[in-house]
Every structure is written in C-alpha cells, then in structure tokens.
Amino acid sequence: MGRYVLHRLLLMVPLVLLITVVTFLLIQLSPSDPAEVALRVNMIVPTPEAIAALRLELGLDAPLWQQYLRWLARCVQWDWGTSFVTRTAVSHELAQALPATLWLAATALAMIVTLSLAIAALCVVSAGRWPDKLLRAGLFFLTAMPNYWVGLLLIWLLAVKWQWLPVGGIDAPGAVILPALTLALGYLGTYVRLLRANMLAHLHQPYVDYARARGLSSGRILWRHVLVNALYSPLVALGMSIPKLFAGTLIIENIFSWPGLGRLCVSAIFQRDYPIIQAYVLLMALLFVVGNFLIDILLMWLDPRLRRGVAL
C-alpha cells in the first residue's frame, strides 16, 4: 500500500509541473501586455515609461524561463502575486473567497450522495415498474438542462412563487440550499444511473443467493452487501466530480450572488485581473489531480483485492 501511494505521488510530479507551465503561459499568451493592463485597471495612463517601470517591478523583463521559475517558487509558498485591481495579495483574495465555495460545494456534495443513494435504491426496488421509469425520466431531463437554467427555475418556483427559501447572498438562513441544490441536480442522473446499474448487476451474484439462504432480510442485503460492492465505479466518478463541483460554482455563484471563488474569478475576467485568473485556473487543475489521487487511495483501502494485487 505504501509503495503504491509513493508510486502514484511520483507519477503526479510531472503532471503537476505541466499544469504549472500551462497556467504560467496564460499571462504570456494574453493579447495585451500585463503591465499595460495593470496600469489601465488602476486608471493610470499607460505611457511607455510607466509600462517599462512596471514591467521591471513585476519581473516581466527577465527571460521567460526565469519568470517561470520565480513564479513557481512563489506558488510553492502560496504567493501568487498581487491583484491588479485591489493591489492586495492574490492569496489573501482567495483565502477570503474559499470558505464560501467550500461551504457551497460541501453542501452540494452531501445532497448528491444522499439523494443518489435514496433514488437509486428506490429505482432498484421498483425496477421495471412506473416509479423506476418516472424517476429515471425526470433525472434525464435534469441532466440535459443547463445548470444556470435549473437555477433560474428554482429561484422562480421556491423563492419567488412559494417563498420557501431566500435567494442571493450568504447571510440569510438557508441561503445555501438553493445554489447547492442547483449544483447537485446536474450530477444526480449520473450517479443514480451508475448505482442502479451496478446494484441490479450485483443482485444476481451468487453471494446474494447465499445471503438469502442465511435468512438475511432484503433490506440488509441491499444496503450492507449489494450497495457496498456497487460503490466502486461511482466513487471513481465522484473523484472527478468533487473538483467539478468547485469549478461549477463559477456560474452558480454569480446567479445567486454567492461570494466565493467562482464569483471572484468572473469579476477578475471582466477586469482582466490576470494574477487572480492564473491562480484560479491553477487551483482548479490541482484539485482535479489531488481528487483523483485520493479516490485511488480510497478504492485501494476499500477493496482488499486491489491491495493484494499491489502487494504482488
């Protein structure tokens, strides 16, 4: 197990370095000079002298490889430069917005797990009958709809017409429910489909017949045996979905005026605040890499057969 973890970590190193190179080149490939953009967003006339002085201050006059190494060394220390607009550290801006995004993503993840398990179990129990067909049809339409449109429909129904939940902001009680539900609904179809297919396949395995012969109830067989063995492929998908939840907040946070990373990034895009955009892209990419790594370790821990394969 330890050797496998070390092997996976070593494989991650070149991938992470490649991600940093691509992220660093975002500013270098921008259509305008970052120094000129920094002057314009601060309402300073971008004269050639001012641009040259700021390029010297930002280190943009050095060779490209030196700029990259300096930037990479700062990133390791959680120093992603200074915002062009607020003139504060990018790490400070991210640290202020991160808790709101974590809260939103964690709430959406809890909804995804809870609702997927409940709906998948109901579909399995009523497989082939009208509840199963109705639930799968509804999830198909939810998956096909863009999440911003789902969010607007939920705002109209739950906040405007029925006035059950608040909309906009973060301070009102229950304010997280609508954006988290909007974020979660787009993933339910995937997980319910995976869980339903896996559970139905495992219901015909010999260990289920043996469990019935021992006198175990259908509910216990379903939750304690079939579900546990059906979790592996959904867990792999979950490893990809956790970073996608963070990235998906980009639109949802702006619809619901949620003060998180997504809203910060959109504001930075409109203001051409390149350091914040650069830091956001790097952070999201690293989340995908780390999420896949953690899911690999979790699957190794859950399945003794995988551990034996690594040991061999």
C-alpha atoms as a PDB file:
ATOM      1  CA  MET A   1       0.000   0.000   0.000  1.00  0.00           C
ATOM      2  CA  GLY A   2       2.765   2.419   0.932  1.00  0.00           C
ATOM      3  CA  ARG A   3       4.696   1.618  -2.244  1.00  0.00           C
ATOM      4  CA  TYR A   4       1.582   2.208  -4.331  1.00  0.00           C
ATOM      5  CA  VAL A   5       0.976   5.622  -2.723  1.00  0.00           C
ATOM      6  CA  LEU A   6       4.615   6.593  -3.336  1.00  0.00           C
ATOM      7  CA  HIS A   7       4.367   5.426  -6.947  1.00  0.00           C
ATOM      8  CA  ARG A   8       1.222   7.486  -7.516  1.00  0.00           C
ATOM      9  CA  LEU A   9       2.837  10.557  -5.953  1.00  0.00           C
ATOM     10  CA  LEU A  10       5.867  10.224  -8.232  1.00  0.00           C
ATOM     11  CA  LEU A  11       3.578   9.989 -11.266  1.00  0.00           C
ATOM     12  CA  MET A  12       1.806  13.170 -10.167  1.00  0.00           C
ATOM     13  CA  VAL A  13       5.001  15.267 -10.181  1.00  0.00           C
ATOM     14  CA  PRO A  14       5.414  15.654 -13.989  1.00  0.00           C
ATOM     15  CA  LEU A  15       1.664  16.207 -14.388  1.00  0.00           C
ATOM     16  CA  VAL A  16       1.654  18.976 -11.789  1.00  0.00           C
ATOM     17  CA  LEU A  17       4.695  20.594 -13.418  1.00  0.00           C
ATOM     18  CA  LEU A  18       2.947  20.508 -16.798  1.00  0.00           C
ATOM     19  CA  ILE A  19      -0.098  22.163 -15.235  1.00  0.00           C
ATOM     20  CA  THR A  20       2.065  24.936 -13.785  1.00  0.00           C
ATOM     21  CA  VAL A  21       3.688  25.553 -17.184  1.00  0.00           C
ATOM     22  CA  VAL A  22       0.322  25.862 -18.944  1.00  0.00           C
ATOM     23  CA  THR A  23      -1.038  28.112 -16.195  1.00  0.00           C
ATOM     24  CA  PHE A  24       2.034  30.341 -16.270  1.00  0.00           C
ATOM     25  CA  LEU A  25       1.705  30.775 -20.031  1.00  0.00           C
ATOM     26  CA  LEU A  26      -1.810  32.198 -19.627  1.00  0.00           C
ATOM     27  CA  ILE A  27      -0.391  35.639 -18.947  1.00  0.00           C
ATOM     28  CA  GLN A  28       2.363  35.306 -21.553  1.00  0.00           C
ATOM     29  CA  LEU A  29      -0.166  34.399 -24.271  1.00  0.00           C
ATOM     30  CA  SER A  30      -2.624  37.159 -23.351  1.00  0.00           C
ATOM     31  CA  PRO A  31      -3.335  39.578 -26.210  1.00  0.00           C
ATOM     32  CA  SER A  32      -2.192  42.616 -24.218  1.00  0.00           C
ATOM     33  CA  ASP A  33       0.803  43.442 -22.062  1.00  0.00           C
ATOM     34  CA  PRO A  34       0.066  42.556 -18.392  1.00  0.00           C
ATOM     35  CA  ALA A  35       1.887  45.704 -17.274  1.00  0.00           C
ATOM     36  CA  GLU A  36      -0.306  47.843 -19.536  1.00  0.00           C
ATOM     37  CA  VAL A  37      -3.455  46.089 -18.264  1.00  0.00           C
ATOM     38  CA  ALA A  38      -2.383  46.653 -14.644  1.00  0.00           C
ATOM     39  CA  LEU A  39      -1.970  50.378 -15.339  1.00  0.00           C
ATOM     40  CA  ARG A  40      -5.301  50.710 -17.146  1.00  0.00           C
ATOM     41  CA  VAL A  41      -7.374  48.964 -14.444  1.00  0.00           C
ATOM     42  CA  ASN A  42      -5.862  51.365 -11.889  1.00  0.00           C
ATOM     43  CA  MET A  43      -6.783  54.388 -14.043  1.00  0.00           C
ATOM     44  CA  ILE A  44      -3.145  55.210 -14.837  1.00  0.00           C
ATOM     45  CA  VAL A  45      -2.182  56.429 -18.296  1.00  0.00           C
ATOM     46  CA  PRO A  46      -0.053  53.624 -19.801  1.00  0.00           C
ATOM     47  CA  THR A  47       2.840  55.675 -21.106  1.00  0.00           C
ATOM     48  CA  PRO A  48       5.878  53.763 -22.429  1.00  0.00           C
ATOM     49  CA  GLU A  49       7.880  54.888 -19.386  1.00  0.00           C
ATOM     50  CA  ALA A  50       5.208  53.719 -16.938  1.00  0.00           C
ATOM     51  CA  ILE A  51       4.847  50.374 -18.735  1.00  0.00           C
ATOM     52  CA  ALA A  52       8.607  49.827 -18.708  1.00  0.00           C
ATOM     53  CA  ALA A  53       8.844  50.692 -14.993  1.00  0.00           C
ATOM     54  CA  LEU A  54       6.003  48.312 -14.089  1.00  0.00           C
ATOM     55  CA  ARG A  55       7.434  45.533 -16.244  1.00  0.00           C
ATOM     56  CA  LEU A  56      10.678  45.918 -14.302  1.00  0.00           C
ATOM     57  CA  GLU A  57       8.777  45.861 -10.999  1.00  0.00           C
ATOM     58  CA  LEU A  58       6.824  42.726 -11.989  1.00  0.00           C
ATOM     59  CA  GLY A  59       9.939  40.997 -13.345  1.00  0.00           C
ATOM     60  CA  LEU A  60       8.483  40.767 -16.863  1.00  0.00           C
ATOM     61  CA  ASP A  61      11.768  41.977 -18.390  1.00  0.00           C
ATOM     62  CA  ALA A  62      13.569  38.746 -17.415  1.00  0.00           C
ATOM     63  CA  PRO A  63      13.806  35.714 -19.758  1.00  0.00           C
ATOM     64  CA  LEU A  64      10.703  33.538 -19.834  1.00  0.00           C
ATOM     65  CA  TRP A  65      12.295  30.574 -18.066  1.00  0.00           C
ATOM     66  CA  GLN A  66      13.473  32.814 -15.205  1.00  0.00           C
ATOM     67  CA  GLN A  67       9.996  34.286 -14.837  1.00  0.00           C
ATOM     68  CA  TYR A  68       8.539  30.775 -14.667  1.00  0.00           C
ATOM     69  CA  LEU A  69      10.991  29.559 -12.027  1.00  0.00           C
ATOM     70  CA  ARG A  70      10.397  32.647  -9.882  1.00  0.00           C
ATOM     71  CA  TRP A  71       6.634  32.269 -10.223  1.00  0.00           C
ATOM     72  CA  LEU A  72       6.807  28.547  -9.408  1.00  0.00           C
ATOM     73  CA  ALA A  73       8.931  29.217  -6.310  1.00  0.00           C
ATOM     74  CA  ARG A  74       6.371  31.777  -5.112  1.00  0.00           C
ATOM     75  CA  CYS A  75       3.457  29.418  -5.808  1.00  0.00           C
ATOM     76  CA  VAL A  76       5.029  26.752  -3.605  1.00  0.00           C
ATOM     77  CA  GLN A  77       4.972  29.334  -0.801  1.00  0.00           C
ATOM     78  CA  TRP A  78       1.294  30.203  -1.527  1.00  0.00           C
ATOM     79  CA  ASP A  79       2.343  33.525  -3.085  1.00  0.00           C
ATOM     80  CA  TRP A  80       0.524  34.095  -6.385  1.00  0.00           C
ATOM     81  CA  GLY A  81       1.392  37.729  -6.800  1.00  0.00           C
ATOM     82  CA  THR A  82      -0.680  40.864  -6.344  1.00  0.00           C
ATOM     83  CA  SER A  83      -4.108  41.650  -7.751  1.00  0.00           C
ATOM     84  CA  PHE A  84      -4.044  44.315 -10.460  1.00  0.00           C
ATOM     85  CA  VAL A  85      -7.303  45.812  -9.173  1.00  0.00           C
ATOM     86  CA  THR A  86      -7.214  45.674  -5.372  1.00  0.00           C
ATOM     87  CA  ARG A  87      -3.393  45.743  -5.067  1.00  0.00           C
ATOM     88  CA  THR A  88      -3.644  43.073  -2.367  1.00  0.00           C
ATOM     89  CA  ALA A  89      -2.087  39.615  -2.354  1.00  0.00           C
ATOM     90  CA  VAL A  90      -3.909  37.090  -4.543  1.00  0.00           C
ATOM     91  CA  SER A  91      -3.582  34.507  -1.771  1.00  0.00           C
ATOM     92  CA  HIS A  92      -5.494  36.873   0.523  1.00  0.00           C
ATOM     93  CA  GLU A  93      -8.266  37.284  -2.062  1.00  0.00           C
ATOM     94  CA  LEU A  94      -8.518  33.501  -2.485  1.00  0.00           C
ATOM     95  CA  ALA A  95      -8.476  32.883   1.261  1.00  0.00           C
ATOM     96  CA  GLN A  96     -11.411  35.273   1.719  1.00  0.00           C
ATOM     97  CA  ALA A  97     -13.498  33.642  -1.024  1.00  0.00           C
ATOM     98  CA  LEU A  98     -12.565  29.993  -0.377  1.00  0.00           C
ATOM     99  CA  PRO A  99     -14.726  29.327   2.752  1.00  0.00           C
ATOM    100  CA  ALA A 100     -17.928  30.289   0.920  1.00  0.00           C
ATOM    101  CA  THR A 101     -17.090  27.986  -2.003  1.00  0.00           C
ATOM    102  CA  LEU A 102     -16.162  25.143   0.362  1.00  0.00           C
ATOM    103  CA  TRP A 103     -19.479  25.508   2.168  1.00  0.00           C
ATOM    104  CA  LEU A 104     -21.422  25.525  -1.088  1.00  0.00           C
ATOM    105  CA  ALA A 105     -19.541  22.569  -2.603  1.00  0.00           C
ATOM    106  CA  ALA A 106     -19.734  20.514   0.613  1.00  0.00           C
ATOM    107  CA  THR A 107     -23.495  21.085   0.876  1.00  0.00           C
ATOM    108  CA  ALA A 108     -23.981  20.141  -2.777  1.00  0.00           C
ATOM    109  CA  LEU A 109     -21.860  17.009  -2.290  1.00  0.00           C
ATOM    110  CA  ALA A 110     -23.937  15.948   0.725  1.00  0.00           C
ATOM    111  CA  MET A 111     -27.092  16.402  -1.355  1.00  0.00           C
ATOM    112  CA  ILE A 112     -25.619  14.398  -4.245  1.00  0.00           C
ATOM    113  CA  VAL A 113     -24.639  11.456  -2.031  1.00  0.00           C
ATOM    114  CA  THR A 114     -27.873  11.397  -0.015  1.00  0.00           C
ATOM    115  CA  LEU A 115     -30.277  11.816  -2.925  1.00  0.00           C
ATOM    116  CA  SER A 116     -28.367   9.459  -5.232  1.00  0.00           C
ATOM    117  CA  LEU A 117     -28.398   6.627  -2.694  1.00  0.00           C
ATOM    118  CA  ALA A 118     -32.074   7.106  -1.889  1.00  0.00           C
ATOM    119  CA  ILE A 119     -33.245   7.422  -5.511  1.00  0.00           C
ATOM    120  CA  ALA A 120     -31.043   4.554  -6.739  1.00  0.00           C
ATOM    121  CA  ALA A 121     -32.367   2.255  -4.006  1.00  0.00           C
ATOM    122  CA  LEU A 122     -35.941   3.185  -4.897  1.00  0.00           C
ATOM    123  CA  CYS A 123     -35.230   2.518  -8.582  1.00  0.00           C
ATOM    124  CA  VAL A 124     -33.739  -0.899  -7.766  1.00  0.00           C
ATOM    125  CA  VAL A 125     -36.653  -1.894  -5.533  1.00  0.00           C
ATOM    126  CA  SER A 126     -39.151  -0.878  -8.234  1.00  0.00           C
ATOM    127  CA  ALA A 127     -37.010  -1.882 -11.239  1.00  0.00           C
ATOM    128  CA  GLY A 128     -39.038  -2.009 -14.456  1.00  0.00           C
ATOM    129  CA  ARG A 129     -42.169  -0.525 -12.858  1.00  0.00           C
ATOM    130  CA  TRP A 130     -43.546   3.019 -13.179  1.00  0.00           C
ATOM    131  CA  PRO A 131     -41.687   4.598 -10.192  1.00  0.00           C
ATOM    132  CA  ASP A 132     -38.371   3.464 -11.676  1.00  0.00           C
ATOM    133  CA  LYS A 133     -39.258   4.736 -15.163  1.00  0.00           C
ATOM    134  CA  LEU A 134     -40.643   8.043 -13.856  1.00  0.00           C
ATOM    135  CA  LEU A 135     -37.591   8.788 -11.714  1.00  0.00           C
ATOM    136  CA  ARG A 136     -35.149   7.978 -14.497  1.00  0.00           C
ATOM    137  CA  ALA A 137     -37.074  10.125 -16.983  1.00  0.00           C
ATOM    138  CA  GLY A 138     -37.067  13.059 -14.576  1.00  0.00           C
ATOM    139  CA  LEU A 139     -33.330  12.704 -13.943  1.00  0.00           C
ATOM    140  CA  PHE A 140     -32.704  12.509 -17.687  1.00  0.00           C
ATOM    141  CA  PHE A 141     -34.358  15.901 -18.207  1.00  0.00           C
ATOM    142  CA  LEU A 142     -32.498  17.425 -15.235  1.00  0.00           C
ATOM    143  CA  THR A 143     -29.161  16.213 -16.582  1.00  0.00           C
ATOM    144  CA  ALA A 144     -29.919  17.603 -20.042  1.00  0.00           C
ATOM    145  CA  MET A 145     -30.818  21.075 -18.736  1.00  0.00           C
ATOM    146  CA  PRO A 146     -28.056  23.678 -18.200  1.00  0.00           C
ATOM    147  CA  ASN A 147     -27.493  24.333 -14.500  1.00  0.00           C
ATOM    148  CA  TYR A 148     -27.996  28.086 -14.880  1.00  0.00           C
ATOM    149  CA  TRP A 149     -31.480  27.419 -16.311  1.00  0.00           C
ATOM    150  CA  VAL A 150     -32.250  24.997 -13.463  1.00  0.00           C
ATOM    151  CA  GLY A 151     -31.117  27.685 -11.030  1.00  0.00           C
ATOM    152  CA  LEU A 152     -33.427  30.291 -12.560  1.00  0.00           C
ATOM    153  CA  LEU A 153     -36.368  27.846 -12.456  1.00  0.00           C
ATOM    154  CA  LEU A 154     -35.684  27.046  -8.793  1.00  0.00           C
ATOM    155  CA  ILE A 155     -35.463  30.756  -7.964  1.00  0.00           C
ATOM    156  CA  TRP A 156     -38.820  31.371  -9.644  1.00  0.00           C
ATOM    157  CA  LEU A 157     -40.530  28.369  -8.003  1.00  0.00           C
ATOM    158  CA  LEU A 158     -39.029  28.116  -4.499  1.00  0.00           C
ATOM    159  CA  ALA A 159     -38.034  31.719  -3.826  1.00  0.00           C
ATOM    160  CA  VAL A 160     -40.424  33.926  -5.812  1.00  0.00           C
ATOM    161  CA  LYS A 161     -43.662  31.939  -6.141  1.00  0.00           C
ATOM    162  CA  TRP A 162     -43.683  29.829  -2.968  1.00  0.00           C
ATOM    163  CA  GLN A 163     -41.250  31.997  -0.955  1.00  0.00           C
ATOM    164  CA  TRP A 164     -39.802  28.992   0.841  1.00  0.00           C
ATOM    165  CA  LEU A 165     -36.138  29.906   0.525  1.00  0.00           C
ATOM    166  CA  PRO A 166     -34.092  33.100   0.296  1.00  0.00           C
ATOM    167  CA  VAL A 167     -32.233  33.927  -2.880  1.00  0.00           C
ATOM    168  CA  GLY A 168     -28.975  35.822  -3.165  1.00  0.00           C
ATOM    169  CA  GLY A 169     -26.271  36.477  -0.616  1.00  0.00           C
ATOM    170  CA  ILE A 170     -24.850  34.253   2.094  1.00  0.00           C
ATOM    171  CA  ASP A 171     -26.141  35.647   5.394  1.00  0.00           C
ATOM    172  CA  ALA A 172     -29.809  34.627   5.298  1.00  0.00           C
ATOM    173  CA  PRO A 173     -30.744  31.322   6.990  1.00  0.00           C
ATOM    174  CA  GLY A 174     -30.937  28.564   4.408  1.00  0.00           C
ATOM    175  CA  ALA A 175     -29.316  30.720   1.727  1.00  0.00           C
ATOM    176  CA  VAL A 176     -27.026  27.839   0.744  1.00  0.00           C
ATOM    177  CA  ILE A 177     -29.884  25.454  -0.082  1.00  0.00           C
ATOM    178  CA  LEU A 178     -30.908  26.872  -3.483  1.00  0.00           C
ATOM    179  CA  PRO A 179     -27.415  27.218  -5.003  1.00  0.00           C
ATOM    180  CA  ALA A 180     -26.331  23.854  -3.568  1.00  0.00           C
ATOM    181  CA  LEU A 181     -29.461  22.137  -4.898  1.00  0.00           C
ATOM    182  CA  THR A 182     -28.921  23.717  -8.324  1.00  0.00           C
ATOM    183  CA  LEU A 183     -25.346  22.452  -8.337  1.00  0.00           C
ATOM    184  CA  ALA A 184     -26.334  18.962  -7.152  1.00  0.00           C
ATOM    185  CA  LEU A 185     -29.200  18.306  -9.558  1.00  0.00           C
ATOM    186  CA  GLY A 186     -26.896  18.188 -12.556  1.00  0.00           C
ATOM    187  CA  TYR A 187     -24.987  15.223 -11.072  1.00  0.00           C
ATOM    188  CA  LEU A 188     -27.874  13.105  -9.797  1.00  0.00           C
ATOM    189  CA  GLY A 189     -28.607  11.476 -13.148  1.00  0.00           C
ATOM    190  CA  THR A 190     -25.039  10.196 -13.481  1.00  0.00           C
ATOM    191  CA  TYR A 191     -24.782   8.696 -10.019  1.00  0.00           C
ATOM    192  CA  VAL A 192     -28.274   7.247  -9.901  1.00  0.00           C
ATOM    193  CA  ARG A 193     -27.672   5.558 -13.263  1.00  0.00           C
ATOM    194  CA  LEU A 194     -24.313   4.145 -12.108  1.00  0.00           C
ATOM    195  CA  LEU A 195     -25.636   2.949  -8.749  1.00  0.00           C
ATOM    196  CA  ARG A 196     -28.803   1.459 -10.219  1.00  0.00           C
ATOM    197  CA  ALA A 197     -26.947  -0.488 -12.931  1.00  0.00           C
ATOM    198  CA  ASN A 198     -24.301  -1.778 -10.505  1.00  0.00           C
ATOM    199  CA  MET A 199     -26.808  -2.751  -7.835  1.00  0.00           C
ATOM    200  CA  LEU A 200     -29.038  -4.605 -10.306  1.00  0.00           C
ATOM    201  CA  ALA A 201     -25.984  -6.480 -11.614  1.00  0.00           C
ATOM    202  CA  HIS A 202     -24.900  -7.465  -8.103  1.00  0.00           C
ATOM    203  CA  LEU A 203     -28.394  -8.641  -7.166  1.00  0.00           C
ATOM    204  CA  HIS A 204     -27.819 -11.635  -9.470  1.00  0.00           C
ATOM    205  CA  GLN A 205     -24.461 -12.589  -7.980  1.00  0.00           C
ATOM    206  CA  PRO A 206     -24.074 -15.881  -6.031  1.00  0.00           C
ATOM    207  CA  TYR A 207     -23.252 -14.106  -2.748  1.00  0.00           C
ATOM    208  CA  VAL A 208     -26.763 -12.584  -2.781  1.00  0.00           C
ATOM    209  CA  ASP A 209     -28.349 -16.042  -3.057  1.00  0.00           C
ATOM    210  CA  TYR A 210     -26.135 -17.204  -0.205  1.00  0.00           C
ATOM    211  CA  ALA A 211     -27.194 -14.231   1.920  1.00  0.00           C
ATOM    212  CA  ARG A 212     -30.852 -15.009   1.284  1.00  0.00           C
ATOM    213  CA  ALA A 213     -30.232 -18.646   2.215  1.00  0.00           C
ATOM    214  CA  ARG A 214     -28.815 -17.454   5.537  1.00  0.00           C
ATOM    215  CA  GLY A 215     -32.100 -15.683   6.227  1.00  0.00           C
ATOM    216  CA  LEU A 216     -30.918 -12.095   5.819  1.00  0.00           C
ATOM    217  CA  SER A 217     -33.648  -9.563   5.054  1.00  0.00           C
ATOM    218  CA  SER A 218     -33.872  -7.941   1.617  1.00  0.00           C
ATOM    219  CA  GLY A 219     -33.132  -4.516   3.082  1.00  0.00           C
ATOM    220  CA  ARG A 220     -29.989  -5.718   4.809  1.00  0.00           C
ATOM    221  CA  ILE A 221     -28.779  -7.486   1.676  1.00  0.00           C
ATOM    222  CA  LEU A 222     -29.406  -4.348  -0.381  1.00  0.00           C
ATOM    223  CA  TRP A 223     -27.704  -1.854   1.970  1.00  0.00           C
ATOM    224  CA  ARG A 224     -24.987  -3.941   3.646  1.00  0.00           C
ATOM    225  CA  HIS A 225     -23.832  -6.101   0.730  1.00  0.00           C
ATOM    226  CA  VAL A 226     -25.109  -5.068  -2.690  1.00  0.00           C
ATOM    227  CA  LEU A 227     -24.617  -1.336  -2.171  1.00  0.00           C
ATOM    228  CA  VAL A 228     -21.073  -1.685  -0.796  1.00  0.00           C
ATOM    229  CA  ASN A 229     -19.982  -3.753  -3.786  1.00  0.00           C
ATOM    230  CA  ALA A 230     -21.691  -1.374  -6.222  1.00  0.00           C
ATOM    231  CA  LEU A 231     -19.861   1.719  -4.969  1.00  0.00           C
ATOM    232  CA  TYR A 232     -16.547   1.396  -6.799  1.00  0.00           C
ATOM    233  CA  SER A 233     -17.367   2.977 -10.163  1.00  0.00           C
ATOM    234  CA  PRO A 234     -19.490   5.727  -8.548  1.00  0.00           C
ATOM    235  CA  LEU A 235     -16.562   6.519  -6.249  1.00  0.00           C
ATOM    236  CA  VAL A 236     -14.267   6.890  -9.240  1.00  0.00           C
ATOM    237  CA  ALA A 237     -16.781   9.275 -10.811  1.00  0.00           C
ATOM    238  CA  LEU A 238     -17.046  11.096  -7.502  1.00  0.00           C
ATOM    239  CA  GLY A 239     -13.307  11.714  -7.566  1.00  0.00           C
ATOM    240  CA  MET A 240     -13.791  13.625 -10.814  1.00  0.00           C
ATOM    241  CA  SER A 241     -16.947  15.363  -9.644  1.00  0.00           C
ATOM    242  CA  ILE A 242     -15.542  16.935  -6.483  1.00  0.00           C
ATOM    243  CA  PRO A 243     -13.214  19.266  -8.418  1.00  0.00           C
ATOM    244  CA  LYS A 244     -16.002  19.811 -10.970  1.00  0.00           C
ATOM    245  CA  LEU A 245     -18.236  20.973  -8.103  1.00  0.00           C
ATOM    246  CA  PHE A 246     -15.717  23.704  -7.317  1.00  0.00           C
ATOM    247  CA  ALA A 247     -15.361  24.624 -10.983  1.00  0.00           C
ATOM    248  CA  GLY A 248     -19.140  24.512 -11.446  1.00  0.00           C
ATOM    249  CA  THR A 249     -19.614  27.214  -8.837  1.00  0.00           C
ATOM    250  CA  LEU A 250     -18.291  29.687 -11.428  1.00  0.00           C
ATOM    251  CA  ILE A 251     -21.803  30.169 -12.856  1.00  0.00           C
ATOM    252  CA  ILE A 252     -23.898  29.277  -9.820  1.00  0.00           C
ATOM    253  CA  GLU A 253     -22.160  31.755  -7.529  1.00  0.00           C
ATOM    254  CA  ASN A 254     -22.847  34.593  -9.957  1.00  0.00           C
ATOM    255  CA  ILE A 255     -26.528  33.655 -10.330  1.00  0.00           C
ATOM    256  CA  PHE A 256     -27.063  33.580  -6.563  1.00  0.00           C
ATOM    257  CA  SER A 257     -24.599  36.398  -5.657  1.00  0.00           C
ATOM    258  CA  TRP A 258     -22.555  33.921  -3.656  1.00  0.00           C
ATOM    259  CA  PRO A 259     -19.210  35.488  -2.574  1.00  0.00           C
ATOM    260  CA  GLY A 260     -16.941  32.548  -3.455  1.00  0.00           C
ATOM    261  CA  LEU A 261     -14.107  31.673  -5.807  1.00  0.00           C
ATOM    262  CA  GLY A 262     -16.328  31.465  -8.882  1.00  0.00           C
ATOM    263  CA  ARG A 263     -17.665  34.973  -8.450  1.00  0.00           C
ATOM    264  CA  LEU A 264     -14.150  36.235  -7.743  1.00  0.00           C
ATOM    265  CA  CYS A 265     -12.894  34.651 -10.983  1.00  0.00           C
ATOM    266  CA  VAL A 266     -15.690  36.110 -13.116  1.00  0.00           C
ATOM    267  CA  SER A 267     -15.010  39.565 -11.680  1.00  0.00           C
ATOM    268  CA  ALA A 268     -11.310  39.083 -12.437  1.00  0.00           C
ATOM    269  CA  ILE A 269     -12.123  38.083 -16.039  1.00  0.00           C
ATOM    270  CA  PHE A 270     -14.165  41.246 -16.638  1.00  0.00           C
ATOM    271  CA  GLN A 271     -11.443  43.374 -15.039  1.00  0.00           C
ATOM    272  CA  ARG A 272      -8.578  41.494 -16.713  1.00  0.00           C
ATOM    273  CA  ASP A 273      -7.049  40.772 -13.330  1.00  0.00           C
ATOM    274  CA  TYR A 274      -4.618  38.174 -14.698  1.00  0.00           C
ATOM    275  CA  PRO A 275      -2.942  37.084 -11.419  1.00  0.00           C
ATOM    276  CA  ILE A 276      -6.304  36.044  -9.926  1.00  0.00           C
ATOM    277  CA  ILE A 277      -7.343  34.244 -13.127  1.00  0.00           C
ATOM    278  CA  GLN A 278      -3.983  32.463 -13.191  1.00  0.00           C
ATOM    279  CA  ALA A 279      -4.277  31.387  -9.551  1.00  0.00           C
ATOM    280  CA  TYR A 280      -7.873  30.182 -10.025  1.00  0.00           C
ATOM    281  CA  VAL A 281      -7.006  28.043 -13.062  1.00  0.00           C
ATOM    282  CA  LEU A 282      -4.019  26.505 -11.267  1.00  0.00           C
ATOM    283  CA  LEU A 283      -6.067  25.791  -8.155  1.00  0.00           C
ATOM    284  CA  MET A 284      -8.863  24.073 -10.112  1.00  0.00           C
ATOM    285  CA  ALA A 285      -6.384  21.956 -12.091  1.00  0.00           C
ATOM    286  CA  LEU A 286      -4.612  20.857  -8.919  1.00  0.00           C
ATOM    287  CA  LEU A 287      -7.958  19.924  -7.377  1.00  0.00           C
ATOM    288  CA  PHE A 288      -8.618  17.505 -10.261  1.00  0.00           C
ATOM    289  CA  VAL A 289      -5.218  15.856  -9.777  1.00  0.00           C
ATOM    290  CA  VAL A 290      -5.491  15.596  -5.989  1.00  0.00           C
ATOM    291  CA  GLY A 291      -9.120  14.402  -6.173  1.00  0.00           C
ATOM    292  CA  ASN A 292      -8.206  11.512  -8.475  1.00  0.00           C
ATOM    293  CA  PHE A 293      -5.274  10.584  -6.247  1.00  0.00           C
ATOM    294  CA  LEU A 294      -7.421  10.490  -3.105  1.00  0.00           C
ATOM    295  CA  ILE A 295     -10.082   8.370  -4.816  1.00  0.00           C
ATOM    296  CA  ASP A 296      -7.405   5.888  -5.930  1.00  0.00           C
ATOM    297  CA  ILE A 297      -6.231   5.552  -2.333  1.00  0.00           C
ATOM    298  CA  LEU A 298      -9.816   5.206  -1.069  1.00  0.00           C
ATOM    299  CA  LEU A 299     -10.565   2.419  -3.562  1.00  0.00           C
ATOM    300  CA  MET A 300      -7.353   0.662  -2.564  1.00  0.00           C
ATOM    301  CA  TRP A 301      -8.415   0.844   1.086  1.00  0.00           C
ATOM    302  CA  LEU A 302     -11.972  -0.378   0.408  1.00  0.00           C
ATOM    303  CA  ASP A 303     -11.108  -3.317  -1.865  1.00  0.00           C
ATOM    304  CA  PRO A 304      -8.754  -5.955  -0.380  1.00  0.00           C
ATOM    305  CA  ARG A 305      -8.320  -7.480  -3.859  1.00  0.00           C
ATOM    306  CA  LEU A 306      -6.669  -4.304  -5.094  1.00  0.00           C
ATOM    307  CA  ARG A 307      -4.325  -4.299  -2.096  1.00  0.00           C
ATOM    308  CA  ARG A 308      -3.323  -7.875  -2.778  1.00  0.00           C
ATOM    309  CA  GLY A 309      -2.698  -7.006  -6.439  1.00  0.00           C
ATOM    310  CA  VAL A 310      -0.381  -4.173  -5.431  1.00  0.00           C
ATOM    311  CA  ALA A 311       1.396  -6.357  -2.905  1.00  0.00           C
ATOM    312  CA  LEU A 312       2.028  -8.965  -5.576  1.00  0.00           C
END
